[in-house]
Amino acid sequence: MKDRTTKKGLLRTGVLLIMLFIWYGTVFSFSAQDGEESGSLSRDVSYMLVRGFDHLTGTVRSTEQLNETVEAMQWGIRKTAHFTEYFILGVLLFMLLKPGRNKVMWPVLVAVILLSASADEFHQTFVPGRCGSPRDVLLDFAGGITGCLICFGIGKLKN
């Protein structure tokens, strides 16, 4: 029985590591987009959300109103993306490091999230049309820690 638990644990760890590496690749691929490509993605997402909302509510907007609304939403969409990317990273790291069982892992978890956010923003300083932002490091960090705390809370509720 112990051998089966060990194999299951190793498989779980392996799957989480693969998911974590894929997610890091996703985060850094978004960071590698130049300013124009990144801005275009934010505009496209904002546009789809406004059009979807308008469709659901029966709202009719002029082209000018649509463009103004899309423009106004872009900043929030970008910041939500930062938070969400790191929220998911925090969940994956929490599941891998299991700090709920081993309190020594909490500082490691916090450090990995903070270093990841810092490296991501530093990376952006080398991308044309992009810049690294200490505020975005804090936003990324907040997303990662929120993901960890939600996992921790769910674990406490289960027990």
C-alpha atoms as a PDB file:
ATOM      1  CA  MET A   1       0.000   0.000   0.000  1.00  0.00           C
ATOM      2  CA  LYS A   2       2.849   2.369   0.843  1.00  0.00           C
ATOM      3  CA  ASP A   3       4.436   1.836  -2.599  1.00  0.00           C
ATOM      4  CA  ARG A   4       1.153   2.801  -4.275  1.00  0.00           C
ATOM      5  CA  THR A   5       0.916   5.988  -2.213  1.00  0.00           C
ATOM      6  CA  THR A   6       4.502   6.862  -3.135  1.00  0.00           C
ATOM      7  CA  LYS A   7       3.846   6.290  -6.845  1.00  0.00           C
ATOM      8  CA  LYS A   8       0.667   8.337  -6.632  1.00  0.00           C
ATOM      9  CA  GLY A   9       2.539  11.130  -4.854  1.00  0.00           C
ATOM     10  CA  LEU A  10       5.325  11.103  -7.430  1.00  0.00           C
ATOM     11  CA  LEU A  11       2.822  11.185 -10.276  1.00  0.00           C
ATOM     12  CA  ARG A  12       0.978  14.110  -8.649  1.00  0.00           C
ATOM     13  CA  THR A  13       4.245  15.993  -8.180  1.00  0.00           C
ATOM     14  CA  GLY A  14       5.290  15.304 -11.767  1.00  0.00           C
ATOM     15  CA  VAL A  15       1.969  16.495 -13.169  1.00  0.00           C
ATOM     16  CA  LEU A  16       2.083  19.649 -11.028  1.00  0.00           C
ATOM     17  CA  LEU A  17       5.646  20.394 -12.157  1.00  0.00           C
ATOM     18  CA  ILE A  18       4.641  20.030 -15.802  1.00  0.00           C
ATOM     19  CA  MET A  19       1.617  22.279 -15.263  1.00  0.00           C
ATOM     20  CA  LEU A  20       3.806  24.811 -13.447  1.00  0.00           C
ATOM     21  CA  PHE A  21       6.395  24.918 -16.241  1.00  0.00           C
ATOM     22  CA  ILE A  22       3.645  25.298 -18.845  1.00  0.00           C
ATOM     23  CA  TRP A  23       2.117  28.120 -16.816  1.00  0.00           C
ATOM     24  CA  TYR A  24       5.473  29.890 -16.409  1.00  0.00           C
ATOM     25  CA  GLY A  25       5.853  29.643 -20.182  1.00  0.00           C
ATOM     26  CA  THR A  26       2.411  31.172 -20.633  1.00  0.00           C
ATOM     27  CA  VAL A  27       3.147  34.054 -18.246  1.00  0.00           C
ATOM     28  CA  PHE A  28       6.491  34.839 -19.848  1.00  0.00           C
ATOM     29  CA  SER A  29       5.067  34.562 -23.372  1.00  0.00           C
ATOM     30  CA  PHE A  30       2.549  37.279 -22.493  1.00  0.00           C
ATOM     31  CA  SER A  31       5.434  39.359 -21.115  1.00  0.00           C
ATOM     32  CA  ALA A  32       7.388  38.864 -24.325  1.00  0.00           C
ATOM     33  CA  GLN A  33       4.670  40.521 -26.426  1.00  0.00           C
ATOM     34  CA  ASP A  34       5.752  43.950 -27.599  1.00  0.00           C
ATOM     35  CA  GLY A  35       3.715  46.976 -26.592  1.00  0.00           C
ATOM     36  CA  GLU A  36       1.621  46.971 -29.753  1.00  0.00           C
ATOM     37  CA  GLU A  37       0.766  43.267 -29.577  1.00  0.00           C
ATOM     38  CA  SER A  38      -0.031  43.440 -25.862  1.00  0.00           C
ATOM     39  CA  GLY A  39      -2.207  46.524 -26.333  1.00  0.00           C
ATOM     40  CA  SER A  40      -4.019  44.888 -29.223  1.00  0.00           C
ATOM     41  CA  LEU A  41      -4.815  41.834 -27.097  1.00  0.00           C
ATOM     42  CA  SER A  42      -6.204  44.058 -24.323  1.00  0.00           C
ATOM     43  CA  ARG A  43      -8.323  45.950 -26.849  1.00  0.00           C
ATOM     44  CA  ASP A  44      -9.632  42.719 -28.372  1.00  0.00           C
ATOM     45  CA  VAL A  45     -10.606  41.283 -24.975  1.00  0.00           C
ATOM     46  CA  SER A  46     -12.237  44.578 -23.955  1.00  0.00           C
ATOM     47  CA  TYR A  47     -14.129  44.718 -27.250  1.00  0.00           C
ATOM     48  CA  MET A  48     -15.418  41.148 -26.878  1.00  0.00           C
ATOM     49  CA  LEU A  49     -16.574  41.825 -23.319  1.00  0.00           C
ATOM     50  CA  VAL A  50     -18.398  45.027 -24.263  1.00  0.00           C
ATOM     51  CA  ARG A  51     -20.042  43.405 -27.278  1.00  0.00           C
ATOM     52  CA  GLY A  52     -21.038  40.380 -25.169  1.00  0.00           C
ATOM     53  CA  PHE A  53     -22.510  42.616 -22.475  1.00  0.00           C
ATOM     54  CA  ASP A  54     -24.368  44.661 -25.076  1.00  0.00           C
ATOM     55  CA  HIS A  55     -25.770  41.505 -26.657  1.00  0.00           C
ATOM     56  CA  LEU A  56     -26.964  40.133 -23.298  1.00  0.00           C
ATOM     57  CA  THR A  57     -28.538  43.414 -22.196  1.00  0.00           C
ATOM     58  CA  GLY A  58     -29.824  44.615 -25.560  1.00  0.00           C
ATOM     59  CA  THR A  59     -27.690  47.760 -25.341  1.00  0.00           C
ATOM     60  CA  VAL A  60     -27.068  49.579 -28.597  1.00  0.00           C
ATOM     61  CA  ARG A  61     -23.944  51.768 -28.800  1.00  0.00           C
ATOM     62  CA  SER A  62     -22.647  53.984 -31.547  1.00  0.00           C
ATOM     63  CA  THR A  63     -19.168  53.197 -32.867  1.00  0.00           C
ATOM     64  CA  GLU A  64     -17.849  56.166 -30.929  1.00  0.00           C
ATOM     65  CA  GLN A  65     -19.473  54.976 -27.678  1.00  0.00           C
ATOM     66  CA  LEU A  66     -18.175  51.458 -28.250  1.00  0.00           C
ATOM     67  CA  ASN A  67     -14.627  52.715 -28.819  1.00  0.00           C
ATOM     68  CA  GLU A  68     -14.777  54.951 -25.727  1.00  0.00           C
ATOM     69  CA  THR A  69     -16.011  52.095 -23.549  1.00  0.00           C
ATOM     70  CA  VAL A  70     -13.376  49.711 -24.906  1.00  0.00           C
ATOM     71  CA  GLU A  71     -10.664  52.314 -24.314  1.00  0.00           C
ATOM     72  CA  ALA A  72     -11.847  52.884 -20.746  1.00  0.00           C
ATOM     73  CA  MET A  73     -11.811  49.154 -19.969  1.00  0.00           C
ATOM     74  CA  GLN A  74      -8.323  48.328 -21.211  1.00  0.00           C
ATOM     75  CA  TRP A  75      -6.442  49.349 -18.067  1.00  0.00           C
ATOM     76  CA  GLY A  76      -8.700  47.188 -15.886  1.00  0.00           C
ATOM     77  CA  ILE A  77      -8.406  44.255 -18.267  1.00  0.00           C
ATOM     78  CA  ARG A  78      -4.599  44.469 -18.181  1.00  0.00           C
ATOM     79  CA  LYS A  79      -4.481  44.628 -14.385  1.00  0.00           C
ATOM     80  CA  THR A  80      -6.990  41.795 -14.031  1.00  0.00           C
ATOM     81  CA  ALA A  81      -4.797  39.704 -16.332  1.00  0.00           C
ATOM     82  CA  HIS A  82      -1.755  40.371 -14.116  1.00  0.00           C
ATOM     83  CA  PHE A  83      -3.644  39.340 -10.993  1.00  0.00           C
ATOM     84  CA  THR A  84      -5.177  36.262 -12.623  1.00  0.00           C
ATOM     85  CA  GLU A  85      -1.897  34.984 -14.098  1.00  0.00           C
ATOM     86  CA  TYR A  86      -0.292  35.037 -10.677  1.00  0.00           C
ATOM     87  CA  PHE A  87      -3.400  33.760  -8.893  1.00  0.00           C
ATOM     88  CA  ILE A  88      -3.111  30.604 -11.004  1.00  0.00           C
ATOM     89  CA  LEU A  89       0.648  30.482 -10.372  1.00  0.00           C
ATOM     90  CA  GLY A  90      -0.008  30.767  -6.618  1.00  0.00           C
ATOM     91  CA  VAL A  91      -2.501  27.893  -6.725  1.00  0.00           C
ATOM     92  CA  LEU A  92      -0.062  25.656  -8.609  1.00  0.00           C
ATOM     93  CA  LEU A  93       2.827  26.507  -6.287  1.00  0.00           C
ATOM     94  CA  PHE A  94       0.649  25.936  -3.218  1.00  0.00           C
ATOM     95  CA  MET A  95      -0.415  22.522  -4.496  1.00  0.00           C
ATOM     96  CA  LEU A  96       3.205  21.621  -5.216  1.00  0.00           C
ATOM     97  CA  LEU A  97       4.822  22.917  -2.014  1.00  0.00           C
ATOM     98  CA  LYS A  98       1.943  22.079   0.369  1.00  0.00           C
ATOM     99  CA  PRO A  99       2.688  24.796   2.938  1.00  0.00           C
ATOM    100  CA  GLY A 100      -0.489  23.903   4.850  1.00  0.00           C
ATOM    101  CA  ARG A 101       1.268  20.728   6.018  1.00  0.00           C
ATOM    102  CA  ASN A 102       4.748  22.198   6.346  1.00  0.00           C
ATOM    103  CA  LYS A 103       4.821  25.744   7.709  1.00  0.00           C
ATOM    104  CA  VAL A 104       8.493  26.104   6.738  1.00  0.00           C
ATOM    105  CA  MET A 105       7.342  26.169   3.100  1.00  0.00           C
ATOM    106  CA  TRP A 106       5.381  29.443   3.501  1.00  0.00           C
ATOM    107  CA  PRO A 107       8.487  31.682   3.260  1.00  0.00           C
ATOM    108  CA  VAL A 108       9.664  29.641   0.270  1.00  0.00           C
ATOM    109  CA  LEU A 109       6.280  30.060  -1.390  1.00  0.00           C
ATOM    110  CA  VAL A 110       6.227  33.816  -0.755  1.00  0.00           C
ATOM    111  CA  ALA A 111       9.794  34.175  -2.058  1.00  0.00           C
ATOM    112  CA  VAL A 112       9.108  32.183  -5.241  1.00  0.00           C
ATOM    113  CA  ILE A 113       6.018  34.281  -6.025  1.00  0.00           C
ATOM    114  CA  LEU A 114       7.845  37.552  -5.360  1.00  0.00           C
ATOM    115  CA  LEU A 115      10.900  36.510  -7.389  1.00  0.00           C
ATOM    116  CA  SER A 116       8.691  35.312 -10.257  1.00  0.00           C
ATOM    117  CA  ALA A 117       6.774  38.604 -10.349  1.00  0.00           C
ATOM    118  CA  SER A 118      10.009  40.607 -10.183  1.00  0.00           C
ATOM    119  CA  ALA A 119      11.664  38.547 -12.931  1.00  0.00           C
ATOM    120  CA  ASP A 120       8.561  38.918 -15.114  1.00  0.00           C
ATOM    121  CA  GLU A 121       8.561  42.697 -14.793  1.00  0.00           C
ATOM    122  CA  PHE A 122      12.347  42.883 -15.257  1.00  0.00           C
ATOM    123  CA  HIS A 123      11.966  40.810 -18.432  1.00  0.00           C
ATOM    124  CA  GLN A 124       9.468  43.375 -19.753  1.00  0.00           C
ATOM    125  CA  THR A 125      12.108  46.133 -19.568  1.00  0.00           C
ATOM    126  CA  PHE A 126      13.836  44.422 -22.514  1.00  0.00           C
ATOM    127  CA  VAL A 127      10.686  44.155 -24.647  1.00  0.00           C
ATOM    128  CA  PRO A 128      10.024  46.998 -27.124  1.00  0.00           C
ATOM    129  CA  GLY A 129       7.122  49.190 -26.076  1.00  0.00           C
ATOM    130  CA  ARG A 130       6.930  47.634 -22.608  1.00  0.00           C
ATOM    131  CA  CYS A 131       8.295  48.613 -19.232  1.00  0.00           C
ATOM    132  CA  GLY A 132       8.588  46.904 -15.890  1.00  0.00           C
ATOM    133  CA  SER A 133       6.505  48.356 -13.090  1.00  0.00           C
ATOM    134  CA  PRO A 134       6.941  47.962  -9.310  1.00  0.00           C
ATOM    135  CA  ARG A 135       3.155  48.356  -9.030  1.00  0.00           C
ATOM    136  CA  ASP A 136       2.669  45.377 -11.331  1.00  0.00           C
ATOM    137  CA  VAL A 137       5.107  43.355  -9.189  1.00  0.00           C
ATOM    138  CA  LEU A 138       2.875  44.105  -6.190  1.00  0.00           C
ATOM    139  CA  LEU A 139      -0.263  43.266  -8.175  1.00  0.00           C
ATOM    140  CA  ASP A 140       1.252  39.984  -9.389  1.00  0.00           C
ATOM    141  CA  PHE A 141       2.383  39.183  -5.858  1.00  0.00           C
ATOM    142  CA  ALA A 142      -1.103  39.938  -4.491  1.00  0.00           C
ATOM    143  CA  GLY A 143      -2.627  37.592  -7.084  1.00  0.00           C
ATOM    144  CA  GLY A 144      -0.219  34.796  -6.185  1.00  0.00           C
ATOM    145  CA  ILE A 145      -0.723  35.174  -2.450  1.00  0.00           C
ATOM    146  CA  THR A 146      -4.503  35.334  -2.896  1.00  0.00           C
ATOM    147  CA  GLY A 147      -4.392  32.034  -4.800  1.00  0.00           C
ATOM    148  CA  CYS A 148      -2.354  30.487  -1.969  1.00  0.00           C
ATOM    149  CA  LEU A 149      -4.640  31.805   0.763  1.00  0.00           C
ATOM    150  CA  ILE A 150      -7.747  30.520  -0.992  1.00  0.00           C
ATOM    151  CA  CYS A 151      -6.138  27.076  -1.300  1.00  0.00           C
ATOM    152  CA  PHE A 152      -5.165  27.233   2.370  1.00  0.00           C
ATOM    153  CA  GLY A 153      -8.732  28.195   3.333  1.00  0.00           C
ATOM    154  CA  ILE A 154     -10.216  25.391   1.257  1.00  0.00           C
ATOM    155  CA  GLY A 155      -7.807  22.959   2.935  1.00  0.00           C
ATOM    156  CA  LYS A 156      -8.896  24.168   6.376  1.00  0.00           C
ATOM    157  CA  LEU A 157     -12.575  23.771   5.450  1.00  0.00           C
ATOM    158  CA  LYS A 158     -11.950  20.199   4.291  1.00  0.00           C
ATOM    159  CA  ASN A 159     -10.372  19.253   7.635  1.00  0.00           C
END
